[in-house]
Amino acid sequence: MKLNSKYTLGSTELKNRIVMSPMTRSRAIDNIPNDLMMEYYSQRADGGLLITEGTAPSANGLGYPRIPGIYNKAQIEGWKKVTDAVHQKGAKIFLQLMHTGRCSHPDNMETGTEILAPSPVALEGQMYTDQNGLQNYPVPKEMTLEDIRQAQREFV
């Protein structure tokens, strides 16, 4: 087996066995994948498979500053540019879905969203926000059964 040999992963053929694991970059201004992200992933497309940074499936799943989402048209269009650039170099790209849960701060989230978690217990420590620097973690809202079902739907 050679690192540069083709590999079939399920029904996906990879040009080689080199895989880039996810790394949060925090470069998605307004949570929209952009040209800087397209360049970043394209530069790494010599590998066979790239796994994106954690990407929020919903507005409630945001929580870190400048992480990308994939729940509105602008975000989907942004990811399309990224994936097209990676595919042009012959690599594959998988999206890592990530919900930040209680590891969030409202300054990093859209208006009208909620920090959701299994219990109303704040994390110890602080979260960086672009608006106000380091801030203490707030107490999240305890998820109801319907909140849990909604989060599941957002991932599917």
C-alpha atoms as a PDB file:
ATOM      1  CA  MET A   1       0.000   0.000   0.000  1.00  0.00           C
ATOM      2  CA  LYS A   2       1.373   3.380  -1.007  1.00  0.00           C
ATOM      3  CA  LEU A   3       0.243   6.707   0.389  1.00  0.00           C
ATOM      4  CA  ASN A   4      -0.152   8.162  -3.099  1.00  0.00           C
ATOM      5  CA  SER A   5      -2.181   5.236  -4.449  1.00  0.00           C
ATOM      6  CA  LYS A   6      -5.900   5.579  -5.193  1.00  0.00           C
ATOM      7  CA  TYR A   7      -8.339   4.443  -2.539  1.00  0.00           C
ATOM      8  CA  THR A   8     -12.061   3.704  -2.589  1.00  0.00           C
ATOM      9  CA  LEU A   9     -13.938   4.858   0.504  1.00  0.00           C
ATOM     10  CA  GLY A  10     -17.427   3.375   0.257  1.00  0.00           C
ATOM     11  CA  SER A  11     -18.598   4.587  -3.140  1.00  0.00           C
ATOM     12  CA  THR A  12     -16.141   7.499  -3.243  1.00  0.00           C
ATOM     13  CA  GLU A  13     -12.872   7.113  -5.112  1.00  0.00           C
ATOM     14  CA  LEU A  14     -10.008   9.160  -3.695  1.00  0.00           C
ATOM     15  CA  LYS A  15      -6.975  10.092  -5.787  1.00  0.00           C
ATOM     16  CA  ASN A  16      -4.697   9.121  -2.879  1.00  0.00           C
ATOM     17  CA  ARG A  17      -4.799   8.066   0.765  1.00  0.00           C
ATOM     18  CA  ILE A  18      -3.958  11.468   2.208  1.00  0.00           C
ATOM     19  CA  VAL A  19      -6.761  12.897   4.373  1.00  0.00           C
ATOM     20  CA  MET A  20      -6.817  16.324   6.006  1.00  0.00           C
ATOM     21  CA  SER A  21      -8.673  16.304   9.302  1.00  0.00           C
ATOM     22  CA  PRO A  22     -10.959  19.172  10.356  1.00  0.00           C
ATOM     23  CA  MET A  23      -9.413  22.310  11.832  1.00  0.00           C
ATOM     24  CA  THR A  24     -11.517  25.275  12.891  1.00  0.00           C
ATOM     25  CA  ARG A  25     -10.175  28.362  11.130  1.00  0.00           C
ATOM     26  CA  SER A  26     -12.689  31.067  12.218  1.00  0.00           C
ATOM     27  CA  ARG A  27     -12.455  32.904   8.901  1.00  0.00           C
ATOM     28  CA  ALA A  28     -16.115  32.879   7.839  1.00  0.00           C
ATOM     29  CA  ILE A  29     -17.137  36.524   8.113  1.00  0.00           C
ATOM     30  CA  ASP A  30     -20.868  36.630   8.958  1.00  0.00           C
ATOM     31  CA  ASN A  31     -20.642  32.799   9.079  1.00  0.00           C
ATOM     32  CA  ILE A  32     -20.444  32.637   5.261  1.00  0.00           C
ATOM     33  CA  PRO A  33     -17.671  30.662   3.514  1.00  0.00           C
ATOM     34  CA  ASN A  34     -15.609  33.136   1.480  1.00  0.00           C
ATOM     35  CA  ASP A  35     -12.710  33.483  -0.969  1.00  0.00           C
ATOM     36  CA  LEU A  36     -10.101  33.137   1.788  1.00  0.00           C
ATOM     37  CA  MET A  37     -11.630  29.796   2.763  1.00  0.00           C
ATOM     38  CA  MET A  38     -11.806  28.733  -0.888  1.00  0.00           C
ATOM     39  CA  GLU A  39      -8.087  29.462  -1.231  1.00  0.00           C
ATOM     40  CA  TYR A  40      -7.271  27.638   2.027  1.00  0.00           C
ATOM     41  CA  TYR A  41      -9.053  24.421   1.042  1.00  0.00           C
ATOM     42  CA  SER A  42      -7.898  24.605  -2.579  1.00  0.00           C
ATOM     43  CA  GLN A  43      -4.269  24.856  -1.453  1.00  0.00           C
ATOM     44  CA  ARG A  44      -4.717  21.580   0.431  1.00  0.00           C
ATOM     45  CA  ALA A  45      -6.481  19.707  -2.364  1.00  0.00           C
ATOM     46  CA  ASP A  46      -3.373  17.691  -3.261  1.00  0.00           C
ATOM     47  CA  GLY A  47      -4.702  15.277  -0.661  1.00  0.00           C
ATOM     48  CA  GLY A  48      -7.372  12.766  -1.574  1.00  0.00           C
ATOM     49  CA  LEU A  49      -9.934  13.906   0.999  1.00  0.00           C
ATOM     50  CA  LEU A  50     -10.419  17.116   2.951  1.00  0.00           C
ATOM     51  CA  ILE A  51     -12.743  17.283   5.942  1.00  0.00           C
ATOM     52  CA  THR A  52     -13.966  20.817   6.554  1.00  0.00           C
ATOM     53  CA  GLU A  53     -13.873  22.722   9.771  1.00  0.00           C
ATOM     54  CA  GLY A  54     -16.888  22.335  12.033  1.00  0.00           C
ATOM     55  CA  THR A  55     -19.895  23.898  10.319  1.00  0.00           C
ATOM     56  CA  ALA A  56     -23.126  24.869  12.064  1.00  0.00           C
ATOM     57  CA  PRO A  57     -26.292  23.189  10.743  1.00  0.00           C
ATOM     58  CA  SER A  58     -28.426  25.988  12.228  1.00  0.00           C
ATOM     59  CA  ALA A  59     -28.184  29.472  13.719  1.00  0.00           C
ATOM     60  CA  ASN A  60     -28.490  27.951  17.208  1.00  0.00           C
ATOM     61  CA  GLY A  61     -25.453  25.789  16.404  1.00  0.00           C
ATOM     62  CA  LEU A  62     -23.148  28.800  16.101  1.00  0.00           C
ATOM     63  CA  GLY A  63     -21.203  29.954  19.112  1.00  0.00           C
ATOM     64  CA  TYR A  64     -17.576  30.525  18.152  1.00  0.00           C
ATOM     65  CA  PRO A  65     -16.668  33.698  16.283  1.00  0.00           C
ATOM     66  CA  ARG A  66     -16.672  33.456  12.480  1.00  0.00           C
ATOM     67  CA  ILE A  67     -17.405  29.736  12.117  1.00  0.00           C
ATOM     68  CA  PRO A  68     -19.233  28.800   8.920  1.00  0.00           C
ATOM     69  CA  GLY A  69     -22.796  27.622   8.705  1.00  0.00           C
ATOM     70  CA  ILE A  70     -24.720  25.704   6.074  1.00  0.00           C
ATOM     71  CA  TYR A  71     -28.315  26.653   6.854  1.00  0.00           C
ATOM     72  CA  ASN A  72     -28.988  29.547   4.490  1.00  0.00           C
ATOM     73  CA  LYS A  73     -28.575  30.306   0.797  1.00  0.00           C
ATOM     74  CA  ALA A  74     -25.508  32.552   1.148  1.00  0.00           C
ATOM     75  CA  GLN A  75     -23.685  29.881   3.165  1.00  0.00           C
ATOM     76  CA  ILE A  76     -24.599  27.138   0.705  1.00  0.00           C
ATOM     77  CA  GLU A  77     -23.360  29.298  -2.184  1.00  0.00           C
ATOM     78  CA  GLY A  78     -20.136  29.992  -0.279  1.00  0.00           C
ATOM     79  CA  TRP A  79     -19.543  26.274   0.298  1.00  0.00           C
ATOM     80  CA  LYS A  80     -20.284  25.598  -3.373  1.00  0.00           C
ATOM     81  CA  LYS A  81     -17.365  27.852  -4.359  1.00  0.00           C
ATOM     82  CA  VAL A  82     -15.123  26.018  -1.891  1.00  0.00           C
ATOM     83  CA  THR A  83     -16.143  22.545  -3.048  1.00  0.00           C
ATOM     84  CA  ASP A  84     -15.857  23.500  -6.726  1.00  0.00           C
ATOM     85  CA  ALA A  85     -12.272  24.698  -6.154  1.00  0.00           C
ATOM     86  CA  VAL A  86     -11.372  21.455  -4.345  1.00  0.00           C
ATOM     87  CA  HIS A  87     -13.026  19.292  -7.003  1.00  0.00           C
ATOM     88  CA  GLN A  88     -11.152  21.145  -9.768  1.00  0.00           C
ATOM     89  CA  LYS A  89      -7.955  19.779  -8.223  1.00  0.00           C
ATOM     90  CA  GLY A  90      -9.344  16.247  -8.170  1.00  0.00           C
ATOM     91  CA  ALA A  91      -9.869  15.959  -4.414  1.00  0.00           C
ATOM     92  CA  LYS A  92     -13.025  15.183  -2.446  1.00  0.00           C
ATOM     93  CA  ILE A  93     -14.359  17.228   0.440  1.00  0.00           C
ATOM     94  CA  PHE A  94     -16.651  16.183   3.297  1.00  0.00           C
ATOM     95  CA  LEU A  95     -18.425  18.660   5.564  1.00  0.00           C
ATOM     96  CA  GLN A  96     -18.120  18.267   9.335  1.00  0.00           C
ATOM     97  CA  LEU A  97     -21.367  19.324  11.016  1.00  0.00           C
ATOM     98  CA  MET A  98     -20.864  20.866  14.455  1.00  0.00           C
ATOM     99  CA  HIS A  99     -23.262  22.314  17.007  1.00  0.00           C
ATOM    100  CA  THR A 100     -21.363  24.272  19.653  1.00  0.00           C
ATOM    101  CA  GLY A 101     -23.968  23.667  22.374  1.00  0.00           C
ATOM    102  CA  ARG A 102     -23.103  25.348  25.651  1.00  0.00           C
ATOM    103  CA  CYS A 103     -19.617  26.216  24.362  1.00  0.00           C
ATOM    104  CA  SER A 104     -21.099  29.408  22.907  1.00  0.00           C
ATOM    105  CA  HIS A 105     -21.555  33.086  23.525  1.00  0.00           C
ATOM    106  CA  PRO A 106     -24.488  35.244  22.343  1.00  0.00           C
ATOM    107  CA  ASP A 107     -22.066  37.862  20.944  1.00  0.00           C
ATOM    108  CA  ASN A 108     -21.027  35.225  18.385  1.00  0.00           C
ATOM    109  CA  MET A 109     -24.589  34.307  17.443  1.00  0.00           C
ATOM    110  CA  GLU A 110     -27.368  35.792  15.354  1.00  0.00           C
ATOM    111  CA  THR A 111     -30.120  37.816  17.012  1.00  0.00           C
ATOM    112  CA  GLY A 112     -33.002  35.640  18.202  1.00  0.00           C
ATOM    113  CA  THR A 113     -30.955  32.467  18.684  1.00  0.00           C
ATOM    114  CA  GLU A 114     -30.501  30.496  21.886  1.00  0.00           C
ATOM    115  CA  ILE A 115     -27.603  28.756  23.546  1.00  0.00           C
ATOM    116  CA  LEU A 116     -28.930  25.243  24.047  1.00  0.00           C
ATOM    117  CA  ALA A 117     -27.502  22.441  26.172  1.00  0.00           C
ATOM    118  CA  PRO A 118     -28.595  19.279  27.997  1.00  0.00           C
ATOM    119  CA  SER A 119     -28.671  21.175  31.296  1.00  0.00           C
ATOM    120  CA  PRO A 120     -28.585  24.818  32.418  1.00  0.00           C
ATOM    121  CA  VAL A 121     -24.960  24.700  33.556  1.00  0.00           C
ATOM    122  CA  ALA A 122     -22.439  27.224  32.234  1.00  0.00           C
ATOM    123  CA  LEU A 123     -18.961  26.158  31.230  1.00  0.00           C
ATOM    124  CA  GLU A 124     -16.151  27.482  33.380  1.00  0.00           C
ATOM    125  CA  GLY A 125     -13.914  29.922  31.608  1.00  0.00           C
ATOM    126  CA  GLN A 126     -14.331  32.396  28.826  1.00  0.00           C
ATOM    127  CA  MET A 127     -15.137  32.585  25.112  1.00  0.00           C
ATOM    128  CA  TYR A 128     -13.574  35.086  22.722  1.00  0.00           C
ATOM    129  CA  THR A 129     -15.994  37.425  20.954  1.00  0.00           C
ATOM    130  CA  ASP A 130     -15.141  39.902  18.200  1.00  0.00           C
ATOM    131  CA  GLN A 131     -17.330  42.573  19.813  1.00  0.00           C
ATOM    132  CA  ASN A 132     -16.161  42.424  23.422  1.00  0.00           C
ATOM    133  CA  GLY A 133     -13.065  40.221  23.657  1.00  0.00           C
ATOM    134  CA  LEU A 134     -13.110  37.492  26.287  1.00  0.00           C
ATOM    135  CA  GLN A 135     -16.469  36.974  27.974  1.00  0.00           C
ATOM    136  CA  ASN A 136     -17.640  34.517  30.613  1.00  0.00           C
ATOM    137  CA  TYR A 137     -19.702  31.630  29.326  1.00  0.00           C
ATOM    138  CA  PRO A 138     -23.404  32.260  29.977  1.00  0.00           C
ATOM    139  CA  VAL A 139     -25.856  29.775  31.433  1.00  0.00           C
ATOM    140  CA  PRO A 140     -27.430  27.915  28.502  1.00  0.00           C
ATOM    141  CA  LYS A 141     -31.096  27.095  28.094  1.00  0.00           C
ATOM    142  CA  GLU A 142     -31.885  23.511  29.063  1.00  0.00           C
ATOM    143  CA  MET A 143     -33.106  21.738  25.940  1.00  0.00           C
ATOM    144  CA  THR A 144     -36.671  20.491  25.874  1.00  0.00           C
ATOM    145  CA  LEU A 145     -37.588  17.278  24.091  1.00  0.00           C
ATOM    146  CA  GLU A 146     -38.739  19.402  21.134  1.00  0.00           C
ATOM    147  CA  ASP A 147     -35.406  21.292  21.121  1.00  0.00           C
ATOM    148  CA  ILE A 148     -33.605  17.938  20.925  1.00  0.00           C
ATOM    149  CA  ARG A 149     -35.829  16.768  18.082  1.00  0.00           C
ATOM    150  CA  GLN A 150     -35.233  20.056  16.249  1.00  0.00           C
ATOM    151  CA  ALA A 151     -31.452  19.729  16.648  1.00  0.00           C
ATOM    152  CA  GLN A 152     -31.660  16.201  15.229  1.00  0.00           C
ATOM    153  CA  ARG A 153     -33.624  17.491  12.222  1.00  0.00           C
ATOM    154  CA  GLU A 154     -31.009  20.184  11.632  1.00  0.00           C
ATOM    155  CA  PHE A 155     -28.326  17.518  11.298  1.00  0.00           C
ATOM    156  CA  VAL A 156     -30.413  15.396   8.950  1.00  0.00           C
END
